[in-house]
């Protein structure tokens, strides 16, 4: 039976490895060019790749391997688990698969090429963010915020159609809906996540309410409106997912004269996670038609790892660079000795945790002193505001993820309900932002993750929890520092620990096993509370 499985996997890899690389390369090219023909080719390759996983005979054989129970080799057994889950998520007819991929690609191109228009002027996402952050003109803020939501109206019907098609595929496999299926096939469950998010709600609710009042006091004075007249466009980003800058420290100023690419490279090299080759292969600056967000892609699981960014010399993009290259070094240092199927992170949130661990440092005064070069005196002066800023960012984000997780769960449970109202009910409950009077627009659809990255967003929050757990483990056990805050700068043992006790295993272990092996305990939210709610 084991020999049979080994032969099956060899035949599987002969089909999937080369095609996966081609599809990734073309998607990367399309992200840069924005050209319809590139997106079309990427879609065709993705369809061809996905069809491998729809093969009914292969899936039947995988089920036999699973149910037989005679696979004793632990590596082979783990390969079987991973490949089985990949196939299980695609066991529906090819015509439906083609329609899903085609429509997803069309929606993605609409997001990539959409530019909000205000008074005849087209604005990039970076320009929208700048206006929402810097303008004090209430009319301008409202116009720009409204314009940023117009993409929702453009794609909402397509997104609902995608949800229904995804649900159709999941129901044919015996799941209630696609969201439930996605959790199950990624080794998660509603029971675990509902409990975790309810605990997180209790953990952050009071602290957030106090912070929200402080935010509203600040914004009321800034925009010269009463607190009860504050609108969504006053909160300095499109979704109130990061939170406004209410403390006096202007972190952007520390990066205006810095080469963010060099800073990223030097920092990672200093902790023995060399990323020179990864930066060389990446595309990091704005171009017309280019994908406006950021992502990291492991093209071939053999070292070709690339990042897309749209770098500006500010705090946000410093954090984003550290974040994306956290993903990148994880991918790079997965052991090449592992089978191809296991040469990927243990879980989506396991790699998010690394990205977040490093992305946070852009707000850390010790990191700013050690890496950017501010004086020790200035680091001390801004310490409290930096902590408050990061606490604000974390608490605001945790409430935003509550909205995303619960909205997606509700949307896939019943896509025919009033999604506009569901969205604003959750926004008002968890973010304490009032819906503009009389508004009835598909604002939920203007968030790209809702459309294109389903059942994913909750993993960002799990990543934040694990990032805190890793931070304290590294600080206390690896570099053995008694300082309240550290930067990891020029501490090569940090890279050694991550490479040998975290990255190298790929997905050889389930995410819960990896965390316990790497930190000595299960995923524990107490470290997040220690870092951001009850500072110790």
Protein backbone atom coordinates (compact mmCIF):
# COMPACT_ATOMS: atom_id res chain seq x y z
CA UNK A 1 0.00 0.00 0.00
CA UNK A 2 2.85 2.40 0.82
CA UNK A 3 4.52 1.63 -2.49
CA UNK A 4 1.24 2.33 -4.25
CA UNK A 5 0.93 5.67 -2.49
CA UNK A 6 4.51 6.59 -3.33
CA UNK A 7 3.82 5.86 -7.00
CA UNK A 8 0.60 7.87 -6.85
CA UNK A 9 2.43 10.87 -5.39
CA UNK A 10 5.17 10.63 -8.00
CA UNK A 11 2.61 10.67 -10.82
CA UNK A 12 0.78 13.53 -9.11
CA UNK A 13 3.94 15.62 -8.83
CA UNK A 14 4.82 14.93 -12.45
CA UNK A 15 1.57 16.66 -13.38
CA UNK A 16 1.40 19.47 -10.84
CA UNK A 17 4.91 20.79 -10.08
CA UNK A 18 5.80 22.29 -13.46
CA UNK A 19 2.29 23.59 -14.14
CA UNK A 20 2.10 25.20 -10.68
CA UNK A 21 5.30 27.12 -11.39
CA UNK A 22 4.03 28.29 -14.80
CA UNK A 23 0.73 29.47 -13.31
CA UNK A 24 2.49 31.37 -10.53
CA UNK A 25 4.91 33.04 -12.90
CA UNK A 26 2.09 34.21 -15.16
CA UNK A 27 0.02 35.48 -12.22
CA UNK A 28 3.01 37.47 -10.99
CA UNK A 29 3.46 38.95 -14.46
CA UNK A 30 -0.24 39.87 -14.65
CA UNK A 31 -0.07 41.57 -11.24
CA UNK A 32 2.65 43.85 -12.58
CA UNK A 33 1.28 44.56 -16.05
CA UNK A 34 -2.46 44.68 -15.33
CA UNK A 35 -2.94 43.52 -18.93
CA UNK A 36 -6.08 41.60 -19.78
CA UNK A 37 -4.17 39.06 -21.87
CA UNK A 38 -1.85 38.30 -18.94
CA UNK A 39 -4.77 37.80 -16.56
CA UNK A 40 -6.44 35.63 -19.20
CA UNK A 41 -3.38 33.40 -19.55
CA UNK A 42 -3.01 33.21 -15.76
CA UNK A 43 -6.66 32.17 -15.52
CA UNK A 44 -6.22 29.46 -18.15
CA UNK A 45 -3.19 28.02 -16.37
CA UNK A 46 -4.96 28.13 -13.01
CA UNK A 47 -7.93 26.34 -14.52
CA UNK A 48 -5.66 23.68 -15.97
CA UNK A 49 -3.92 23.28 -12.60
CA UNK A 50 -7.19 23.09 -10.68
CA UNK A 51 -8.53 20.41 -13.01
CA UNK A 52 -5.82 18.07 -11.76
CA UNK A 53 -7.52 18.19 -8.37
CA UNK A 54 -10.98 17.49 -9.77
CA UNK A 55 -10.03 14.01 -10.97
CA UNK A 56 -12.62 11.68 -9.46
CA UNK A 57 -10.55 8.52 -9.89
CA UNK A 58 -7.54 10.05 -8.17
CA UNK A 59 -9.69 11.26 -5.28
CA UNK A 60 -11.26 7.82 -4.94
CA UNK A 61 -7.77 6.34 -4.71
CA UNK A 62 -6.75 8.90 -2.07
CA UNK A 63 -9.82 8.00 -0.01
CA UNK A 64 -8.82 4.35 -0.19
CA UNK A 65 -5.33 5.20 1.07
CA UNK A 66 -6.84 7.23 3.93
CA UNK A 67 -9.46 4.66 4.94
CA UNK A 68 -7.13 1.68 4.66
CA UNK A 69 -5.00 2.96 7.56
CA UNK A 70 -1.91 0.99 6.50
CA UNK A 71 0.33 4.00 5.85
CA UNK A 72 2.80 3.91 8.74
CA UNK A 73 5.55 6.20 7.46
CA UNK A 74 4.83 9.58 9.15
CA UNK A 75 6.11 11.73 6.26
CA UNK A 76 4.13 9.75 3.70
CA UNK A 77 1.07 9.90 5.96
CA UNK A 78 1.35 13.68 6.23
CA UNK A 79 1.76 13.99 2.45
CA UNK A 80 -1.44 11.98 2.08
CA UNK A 81 -3.31 14.32 4.45
CA UNK A 82 -2.19 17.43 2.56
CA UNK A 83 -2.88 16.05 -0.92
CA UNK A 84 -6.23 14.57 0.14
CA UNK A 85 -7.41 17.95 1.47
CA UNK A 86 -6.28 19.67 -1.74
CA UNK A 87 -8.27 17.20 -3.84
CA UNK A 88 -11.31 17.25 -1.52
CA UNK A 89 -11.71 20.98 -2.01
CA UNK A 90 -11.98 20.53 -5.77
CA UNK A 91 -14.33 17.57 -6.08
CA UNK A 92 -16.95 19.19 -8.24
CA UNK A 93 -17.59 19.29 -11.94
CA UNK A 94 -15.06 20.96 -14.18
CA UNK A 95 -17.62 23.27 -15.78
CA UNK A 96 -18.40 24.81 -12.38
CA UNK A 97 -14.71 25.08 -11.60
CA UNK A 98 -14.07 26.91 -14.86
CA UNK A 99 -16.88 29.36 -14.15
CA UNK A 100 -15.54 30.09 -10.67
CA UNK A 101 -11.99 30.70 -11.88
CA UNK A 102 -13.14 32.79 -14.84
CA UNK A 103 -15.36 35.02 -12.72
CA UNK A 104 -12.74 35.31 -9.95
CA UNK A 105 -10.17 36.46 -12.49
CA UNK A 106 -12.57 39.04 -13.93
CA UNK A 107 -13.29 40.40 -10.44
CA UNK A 108 -9.58 40.50 -9.60
CA UNK A 109 -8.84 42.48 -12.75
CA UNK A 110 -11.60 44.95 -11.84
CA UNK A 111 -9.98 45.49 -8.45
CA UNK A 112 -6.49 45.76 -9.93
CA UNK A 113 -7.41 48.33 -12.56
CA UNK A 114 -10.09 50.30 -10.68
CA UNK A 115 -9.20 53.88 -9.79
CA UNK A 116 -11.63 55.91 -7.70
CA UNK A 117 -12.65 59.16 -9.39
CA UNK A 118 -13.28 62.44 -7.54
CA UNK A 119 -14.06 65.65 -9.43
CA UNK A 120 -12.77 64.13 -12.65
CA UNK A 121 -9.47 63.04 -11.12
CA UNK A 122 -8.58 59.37 -10.81
CA UNK A 123 -6.97 58.35 -7.53
CA UNK A 124 -4.82 55.33 -6.69
CA UNK A 125 -5.31 53.48 -3.42
CA UNK A 126 -2.20 55.18 -2.06
CA UNK A 127 -3.64 58.59 -2.92
CA UNK A 128 -6.98 57.73 -1.29
CA UNK A 129 -5.18 56.61 1.86
CA UNK A 130 -3.17 59.83 1.92
CA UNK A 131 -6.26 62.04 1.60
CA UNK A 132 -8.21 60.16 4.26
CA UNK A 133 -5.23 60.41 6.57
CA UNK A 134 -4.22 64.03 5.95
CA UNK A 135 -7.23 66.07 4.84
CA UNK A 136 -9.30 68.08 7.34
CA UNK A 137 -11.95 69.00 4.78
CA UNK A 138 -15.12 67.12 5.76
CA UNK A 139 -16.63 67.35 2.28
CA UNK A 140 -13.46 66.08 0.63
CA UNK A 141 -13.21 63.19 3.09
CA UNK A 142 -16.79 62.16 2.41
CA UNK A 143 -16.35 62.34 -1.37
CA UNK A 144 -13.12 60.34 -1.35
CA UNK A 145 -14.49 57.70 1.05
CA UNK A 146 -17.62 57.31 -1.09
CA UNK A 147 -15.50 57.04 -4.23
CA UNK A 148 -13.37 54.31 -2.63
CA UNK A 149 -16.55 52.27 -2.07
CA UNK A 150 -17.75 52.45 -5.68
CA UNK A 151 -15.78 49.32 -6.56
CA UNK A 152 -18.20 47.51 -4.23
CA UNK A 153 -21.14 48.42 -6.44
CA UNK A 154 -19.17 47.33 -9.53
CA UNK A 155 -18.32 43.84 -8.21
CA UNK A 156 -21.05 43.03 -5.64
CA UNK A 157 -23.31 40.98 -7.92
CA UNK A 158 -20.30 39.03 -9.18
CA UNK A 159 -19.17 38.37 -5.61
CA UNK A 160 -22.59 37.04 -4.59
CA UNK A 161 -22.52 34.81 -7.64
CA UNK A 162 -19.07 33.56 -6.64
CA UNK A 163 -20.32 32.83 -3.12
CA UNK A 164 -23.22 30.79 -4.49
CA UNK A 165 -20.99 28.86 -6.88
CA UNK A 166 -18.48 28.15 -4.10
CA UNK A 167 -21.33 26.98 -1.88
CA UNK A 168 -22.60 24.73 -4.65
CA UNK A 169 -19.19 23.11 -4.89
CA UNK A 170 -19.00 22.57 -1.11
CA UNK A 171 -22.53 21.18 -0.78
CA UNK A 172 -21.75 18.51 -3.36
CA UNK A 173 -19.07 17.31 -0.94
CA UNK A 174 -21.47 17.18 1.98
CA UNK A 175 -20.60 20.47 3.65
CA UNK A 176 -23.18 23.10 4.60
CA UNK A 177 -21.32 25.80 2.68
CA UNK A 178 -17.94 26.81 1.30
CA UNK A 179 -16.85 28.65 4.45
CA UNK A 180 -17.35 25.54 6.60
CA UNK A 181 -15.57 23.40 4.01
CA UNK A 182 -12.60 25.77 3.82
CA UNK A 183 -12.11 25.68 7.58
CA UNK A 184 -12.37 21.90 7.70
CA UNK A 185 -9.91 21.33 4.87
CA UNK A 186 -7.43 23.72 6.49
CA UNK A 187 -7.61 21.78 9.75
CA UNK A 188 -9.77 24.35 11.58
CA UNK A 189 -13.36 24.34 12.85
CA UNK A 190 -16.21 26.68 13.75
CA UNK A 191 -16.13 25.31 17.29
CA UNK A 192 -12.52 26.39 17.79
CA UNK A 193 -12.77 29.72 15.96
CA UNK A 194 -16.09 30.80 17.48
CA UNK A 195 -14.71 30.12 20.95
CA UNK A 196 -11.50 31.97 20.15
CA UNK A 197 -13.24 35.01 18.67
CA UNK A 198 -15.71 35.16 21.55
CA UNK A 199 -12.76 35.10 23.96
CA UNK A 200 -11.00 37.76 21.92
CA UNK A 201 -14.14 39.90 22.01
CA UNK A 202 -14.21 39.70 25.81
CA UNK A 203 -10.48 40.32 25.97
CA UNK A 204 -10.61 43.52 23.89
CA UNK A 205 -14.13 44.90 24.33
CA UNK A 206 -13.61 47.16 27.34
CA UNK A 207 -10.13 48.28 26.31
CA UNK A 208 -11.43 49.08 22.82
CA UNK A 209 -14.44 51.03 24.13
CA UNK A 210 -12.12 53.22 26.20
CA UNK A 211 -9.75 53.65 23.28
CA UNK A 212 -12.61 54.41 20.86
CA UNK A 213 -13.75 57.21 23.16
CA UNK A 214 -10.21 58.62 23.12
CA UNK A 215 -10.13 58.35 19.32
CA UNK A 216 -13.49 60.11 19.01
CA UNK A 217 -12.38 62.94 21.31
CA UNK A 218 -9.35 63.50 19.12
CA UNK A 219 -11.24 63.30 15.81
CA UNK A 220 -14.02 65.56 17.07
CA UNK A 221 -11.48 68.33 17.65
CA UNK A 222 -9.56 67.61 14.45
CA UNK A 223 -12.62 67.89 12.20
CA UNK A 224 -14.57 70.38 14.32
CA UNK A 225 -17.65 68.16 14.62
CA UNK A 226 -19.49 66.76 17.61
CA UNK A 227 -18.52 63.23 18.63
CA UNK A 228 -21.94 61.90 17.70
CA UNK A 229 -21.56 63.42 14.22
CA UNK A 230 -18.39 61.49 13.35
CA UNK A 231 -18.78 59.41 10.18
CA UNK A 232 -16.84 56.46 8.72
CA UNK A 233 -14.76 58.81 6.55
CA UNK A 234 -13.36 60.55 9.64
CA UNK A 235 -11.40 57.50 10.84
CA UNK A 236 -8.48 57.95 8.43
CA UNK A 237 -8.69 54.69 6.53
CA UNK A 238 -11.29 53.06 4.30
CA UNK A 239 -12.45 50.41 6.76
CA UNK A 240 -11.24 51.57 10.19
CA UNK A 241 -8.96 48.56 10.21
CA UNK A 242 -5.77 50.31 11.32
CA UNK A 243 -7.02 53.29 13.26
CA UNK A 244 -6.14 57.00 13.07
CA UNK A 245 -2.91 58.50 14.28
CA UNK A 246 -4.01 60.23 17.48
CA UNK A 247 -0.69 60.34 19.29
CA UNK A 248 1.90 63.02 18.70
CA UNK A 249 4.67 60.80 17.36
CA UNK A 250 4.79 60.97 13.57
CA UNK A 251 6.35 57.67 12.59
CA UNK A 252 6.34 58.59 8.89
CA UNK A 253 9.10 61.15 9.43
CA UNK A 254 11.61 58.45 10.38
CA UNK A 255 11.32 56.83 6.97
CA UNK A 256 11.14 59.81 4.60
CA UNK A 257 14.89 59.82 3.92
CA UNK A 258 15.37 56.08 4.10
CA UNK A 259 15.73 53.46 1.42
CA UNK A 260 13.13 51.01 2.68
CA UNK A 261 14.34 48.21 0.43
CA UNK A 262 17.92 48.47 1.75
CA UNK A 263 16.67 48.76 5.32
CA UNK A 264 14.65 45.56 4.90
CA UNK A 265 17.56 43.72 3.33
CA UNK A 266 20.06 44.81 5.99
CA UNK A 267 17.74 43.95 8.87
CA UNK A 268 16.96 40.44 7.69
CA UNK A 269 20.59 39.79 6.83
CA UNK A 270 21.53 40.88 10.37
CA UNK A 271 19.34 38.19 11.92
CA UNK A 272 20.76 35.53 9.62
CA UNK A 273 17.76 35.39 7.30
CA UNK A 274 19.40 36.50 4.07
CA UNK A 275 16.88 37.85 1.57
CA UNK A 276 19.07 39.47 -1.12
CA UNK A 277 17.94 36.98 -3.76
CA UNK A 278 14.29 37.46 -2.81
CA UNK A 279 14.49 41.23 -3.21
CA UNK A 280 16.22 40.85 -6.56
CA UNK A 281 13.29 38.85 -7.94
CA UNK A 282 10.56 41.14 -6.55
CA UNK A 283 8.65 44.12 -7.98
CA UNK A 284 8.45 46.78 -5.29
CA UNK A 285 7.36 50.13 -6.75
CA UNK A 286 4.21 51.61 -8.31
CA UNK A 287 3.42 51.17 -11.99
CA UNK A 288 0.37 52.06 -14.05
CA UNK A 289 -2.11 49.17 -14.01
CA UNK A 290 -0.12 47.24 -11.41
CA UNK A 291 -1.80 45.42 -8.52
CA UNK A 292 -2.02 48.08 -5.79
CA UNK A 293 -1.75 45.93 -2.70
CA UNK A 294 1.09 43.67 -1.52
CA UNK A 295 1.71 39.95 -1.46
CA UNK A 296 4.44 37.32 -1.33
CA UNK A 297 4.52 34.35 -3.68
CA UNK A 298 6.54 31.15 -3.55
CA UNK A 299 6.73 30.45 -7.26
CA UNK A 300 8.19 26.94 -7.28
CA UNK A 301 8.80 25.76 -3.68
CA UNK A 302 12.45 25.54 -4.65
CA UNK A 303 13.71 28.99 -3.68
CA UNK A 304 12.05 31.30 -6.23
CA UNK A 305 10.17 33.57 -3.81
CA UNK A 306 8.93 37.01 -4.93
CA UNK A 307 7.17 40.00 -3.38
CA UNK A 308 4.82 42.58 -4.87
CA UNK A 309 4.77 45.99 -3.15
CA UNK A 310 4.14 49.64 -4.04
CA UNK A 311 6.72 51.19 -1.75
CA UNK A 312 6.59 54.78 -0.53
CA UNK A 313 9.00 56.11 2.10
CA UNK A 314 6.58 56.03 5.02
CA UNK A 315 5.76 53.97 8.10
CA UNK A 316 3.01 51.93 6.43
CA UNK A 317 5.26 50.64 3.68
CA UNK A 318 8.17 50.01 6.05
CA UNK A 319 5.84 47.81 8.06
CA UNK A 320 4.55 46.18 4.85
CA UNK A 321 8.07 45.41 3.61
CA UNK A 322 9.02 43.81 6.91
CA UNK A 323 5.73 41.91 6.80
CA UNK A 324 6.02 40.58 3.25
CA UNK A 325 9.66 39.57 3.65
CA UNK A 326 8.65 37.73 6.82
CA UNK A 327 6.51 35.58 4.54
CA UNK A 328 9.36 35.39 2.06
CA UNK A 329 12.09 34.18 4.41
CA UNK A 330 9.73 31.54 5.80
CA UNK A 331 9.18 30.19 2.29
CA UNK A 332 12.88 30.39 1.45
CA UNK A 333 14.06 28.42 4.46
CA UNK A 334 11.62 25.52 4.30
CA UNK A 335 13.81 22.44 3.98
CA UNK A 336 14.41 21.51 0.32
CA UNK A 337 14.74 17.90 1.50
CA UNK A 338 11.01 17.72 2.20
CA UNK A 339 8.66 16.28 -0.43
CA UNK A 340 7.15 18.96 -2.70
CA UNK A 341 3.72 18.78 -1.03
CA UNK A 342 5.23 19.57 2.36
CA UNK A 343 7.37 22.46 1.12
CA UNK A 344 4.88 25.08 2.26
CA UNK A 345 4.08 26.74 5.61
CA UNK A 346 2.33 24.63 8.25
CA UNK A 347 -0.73 26.87 7.90
CA UNK A 348 -1.74 30.20 6.45
CA UNK A 349 -1.65 31.81 9.88
CA UNK A 350 1.71 30.22 10.71
CA UNK A 351 3.27 32.35 7.98
CA UNK A 352 1.10 35.36 8.86
CA UNK A 353 2.51 35.16 12.39
CA UNK A 354 6.05 35.58 11.08
CA UNK A 355 5.01 38.44 8.82
CA UNK A 356 3.28 40.20 11.72
CA UNK A 357 6.09 39.54 14.17
CA UNK A 358 8.43 41.53 11.94
CA UNK A 359 5.92 44.04 10.56
CA UNK A 360 5.29 45.35 14.09
CA UNK A 361 8.90 46.44 14.46
CA UNK A 362 8.31 49.52 12.28
CA UNK A 363 6.46 50.94 15.31
CA UNK A 364 8.98 49.80 17.92
CA UNK A 365 11.22 52.61 19.33
CA UNK A 366 14.02 50.15 20.13
CA UNK A 367 13.95 48.96 16.51
CA UNK A 368 13.88 52.57 15.30
CA UNK A 369 16.98 53.26 17.42
CA UNK A 370 18.85 50.09 16.45
CA UNK A 371 17.93 49.99 12.75
CA UNK A 372 16.85 53.47 11.62
CA UNK A 373 19.30 55.28 13.86
CA UNK A 374 17.25 57.60 16.05
CA UNK A 375 18.94 58.58 19.33
CA UNK A 376 18.39 56.75 22.59
CA UNK A 377 16.93 59.95 24.04
CA UNK A 378 14.37 60.21 21.23
CA UNK A 379 13.55 56.53 21.54
CA UNK A 380 12.74 57.11 25.21
CA UNK A 381 10.70 60.21 24.41
CA UNK A 382 8.50 58.43 21.88
CA UNK A 383 8.31 55.11 23.74
CA UNK A 384 4.91 55.67 25.34
CA UNK A 385 3.35 57.06 22.18
CA UNK A 386 4.78 54.20 20.13
CA UNK A 387 3.29 51.68 22.51
CA UNK A 388 -0.05 53.48 22.49
CA UNK A 389 0.02 53.66 18.69
CA UNK A 390 0.72 49.95 18.35
CA UNK A 391 -1.88 49.13 20.99
CA UNK A 392 -4.39 51.26 19.07
CA UNK A 393 -3.47 49.54 15.80
CA UNK A 394 -3.84 46.09 17.37
CA UNK A 395 -7.10 46.72 19.21
CA UNK A 396 -8.68 48.43 16.21
CA UNK A 397 -7.55 45.58 13.97
CA UNK A 398 -8.85 42.92 16.34
CA UNK A 399 -12.31 44.49 16.23
CA UNK A 400 -12.15 44.76 12.43
CA UNK A 401 -11.35 41.05 12.13
CA UNK A 402 -14.41 40.32 14.26
CA UNK A 403 -16.45 42.01 11.53
CA UNK A 404 -14.72 40.14 8.71
CA UNK A 405 -14.92 36.68 10.28
CA UNK A 406 -18.55 36.99 11.33
CA UNK A 407 -19.61 38.64 8.06
CA UNK A 408 -18.05 35.89 5.94
CA UNK A 409 -19.58 33.21 8.12
CA UNK A 410 -23.01 34.86 7.74
CA UNK A 411 -22.64 35.56 4.03
CA UNK A 412 -21.80 31.96 3.14
CA UNK A 413 -24.55 30.72 5.45
CA UNK A 414 -27.13 32.82 3.55
CA UNK A 415 -25.92 34.88 0.57
CA UNK A 416 -29.51 35.97 -0.20
CA UNK A 417 -29.94 37.91 3.03
CA UNK A 418 -29.53 41.71 3.21
CA UNK A 419 -25.73 41.70 3.17
CA UNK A 420 -25.54 45.49 3.28
CA UNK A 421 -27.41 45.47 6.59
CA UNK A 422 -25.47 42.49 7.96
CA UNK A 423 -22.23 44.34 7.26
CA UNK A 424 -23.27 47.53 9.03
CA UNK A 425 -24.79 45.66 11.97
CA UNK A 426 -21.39 44.07 12.58
CA UNK A 427 -19.49 47.31 11.99
CA UNK A 428 -21.68 49.11 14.52
CA UNK A 429 -21.39 46.30 17.10
CA UNK A 430 -17.68 45.54 16.94
CA UNK A 431 -16.12 48.74 15.58
CA UNK A 432 -18.65 51.16 17.11
CA UNK A 433 -18.92 53.09 13.83
CA UNK A 434 -22.35 54.35 12.83
CA UNK A 435 -23.75 53.68 9.38
CA UNK A 436 -24.32 56.96 7.46
CA UNK A 437 -27.99 57.80 7.55
CA UNK A 438 -29.93 56.27 4.65
CA UNK A 439 -26.92 54.41 3.26
CA UNK A 440 -27.71 51.16 1.47
CA UNK A 441 -24.63 50.26 -0.58
CA UNK A 442 -22.64 47.01 -0.85
CA UNK A 443 -19.72 48.44 1.11
CA UNK A 444 -18.72 44.90 2.12
CA UNK A 445 -17.87 44.14 -1.52
CA UNK A 446 -15.26 46.92 -1.67
CA UNK A 447 -12.99 44.80 0.56
CA UNK A 448 -10.92 42.70 -1.83
CA UNK A 449 -10.58 39.80 0.61
CA UNK A 450 -14.35 39.27 0.74
CA UNK A 451 -14.40 38.80 -3.01
CA UNK A 452 -11.18 36.95 -3.76
CA UNK A 453 -9.69 35.43 -0.62
CA UNK A 454 -12.61 33.67 1.10
CA UNK A 455 -12.33 32.12 4.57
CA UNK A 456 -8.88 33.65 4.97
CA UNK A 457 -9.14 36.83 7.01
CA UNK A 458 -9.55 35.25 10.46
CA UNK A 459 -6.06 33.82 10.01
CA UNK A 460 -4.62 37.33 10.27
CA UNK A 461 -5.88 37.47 13.86
CA UNK A 462 -4.59 34.01 14.68
CA UNK A 463 -1.31 35.22 13.22
CA UNK A 464 -1.31 38.20 15.58
CA UNK A 465 -1.84 35.91 18.57
CA UNK A 466 0.99 33.62 17.48
CA UNK A 467 3.26 36.57 16.66
CA UNK A 468 3.04 37.70 20.30
CA UNK A 469 3.72 34.17 21.52
CA UNK A 470 6.80 33.88 19.28
CA UNK A 471 8.02 37.36 20.25
CA UNK A 472 8.08 36.53 23.96
CA UNK A 473 9.56 33.09 23.37
CA UNK A 474 12.41 34.52 21.29
CA UNK A 475 12.98 37.39 23.72
CA UNK A 476 12.96 35.22 26.84
CA UNK A 477 14.34 31.88 25.61
CA UNK A 478 16.40 32.52 22.49
CA UNK A 479 18.19 35.85 22.99
CA UNK A 480 17.48 35.70 26.76
CA UNK A 481 16.81 39.41 27.15
CA UNK A 482 15.41 40.95 30.32
CA UNK A 483 14.52 44.16 28.47
CA UNK A 484 10.84 45.01 28.20
CA UNK A 485 11.21 45.55 24.43
CA UNK A 486 13.73 44.24 21.93
CA UNK A 487 14.36 44.67 18.20
CA UNK A 488 16.18 41.38 17.39
CA UNK A 489 18.61 43.57 15.40
CA UNK A 490 21.91 41.81 14.64
CA UNK A 491 20.88 38.78 16.69
CA UNK A 492 21.76 35.89 14.35
CA UNK A 493 20.39 33.32 16.80
CA UNK A 494 16.90 34.64 15.98
CA UNK A 495 17.28 33.43 12.41
CA UNK A 496 18.84 30.19 13.55
CA UNK A 497 15.91 29.47 15.84
CA UNK A 498 13.31 30.31 13.20
CA UNK A 499 15.08 28.39 10.45
CA UNK A 500 15.68 25.22 12.44
CA UNK A 501 12.70 25.03 14.80
CA UNK A 502 9.97 26.66 12.71
CA UNK A 503 10.59 27.30 9.02
CA UNK A 504 12.45 24.14 8.03
CA UNK A 505 9.57 21.80 8.91
CA UNK A 506 7.26 23.23 6.26
CA UNK A 507 3.93 21.48 6.68
CA UNK A 508 5.45 18.27 8.00
CA UNK A 509 3.49 18.91 11.20
CA UNK A 510 0.00 20.28 11.71
CA UNK A 511 -0.04 23.91 12.83
CA UNK A 512 -0.87 23.02 16.45
CA UNK A 513 1.99 20.51 16.63
CA UNK A 514 4.42 23.01 15.11
CA UNK A 515 3.49 25.70 17.66
CA UNK A 516 3.87 23.31 20.57
CA UNK A 517 7.21 22.03 19.25
CA UNK A 518 8.54 25.55 18.62
CA UNK A 519 7.31 27.29 21.80
CA UNK A 520 6.61 24.51 24.27
CA UNK A 521 2.87 25.18 24.49
CA UNK A 522 -0.33 25.45 22.46
CA UNK A 523 -1.51 28.68 20.82
CA UNK A 524 -2.15 30.92 23.82
CA UNK A 525 -3.82 34.36 23.61
CA UNK A 526 -2.34 35.43 26.96
CA UNK A 527 0.77 36.72 25.19
CA UNK A 528 -1.29 39.00 22.97
CA UNK A 529 -3.03 40.33 26.09
CA UNK A 530 0.34 40.75 27.79
CA UNK A 531 1.65 42.76 24.86
CA UNK A 532 -1.33 44.95 23.97
CA UNK A 533 -4.08 44.88 26.58
CA UNK A 534 -2.29 44.52 29.92
CA UNK A 535 1.24 45.69 29.34
CA UNK A 536 3.81 43.82 31.42
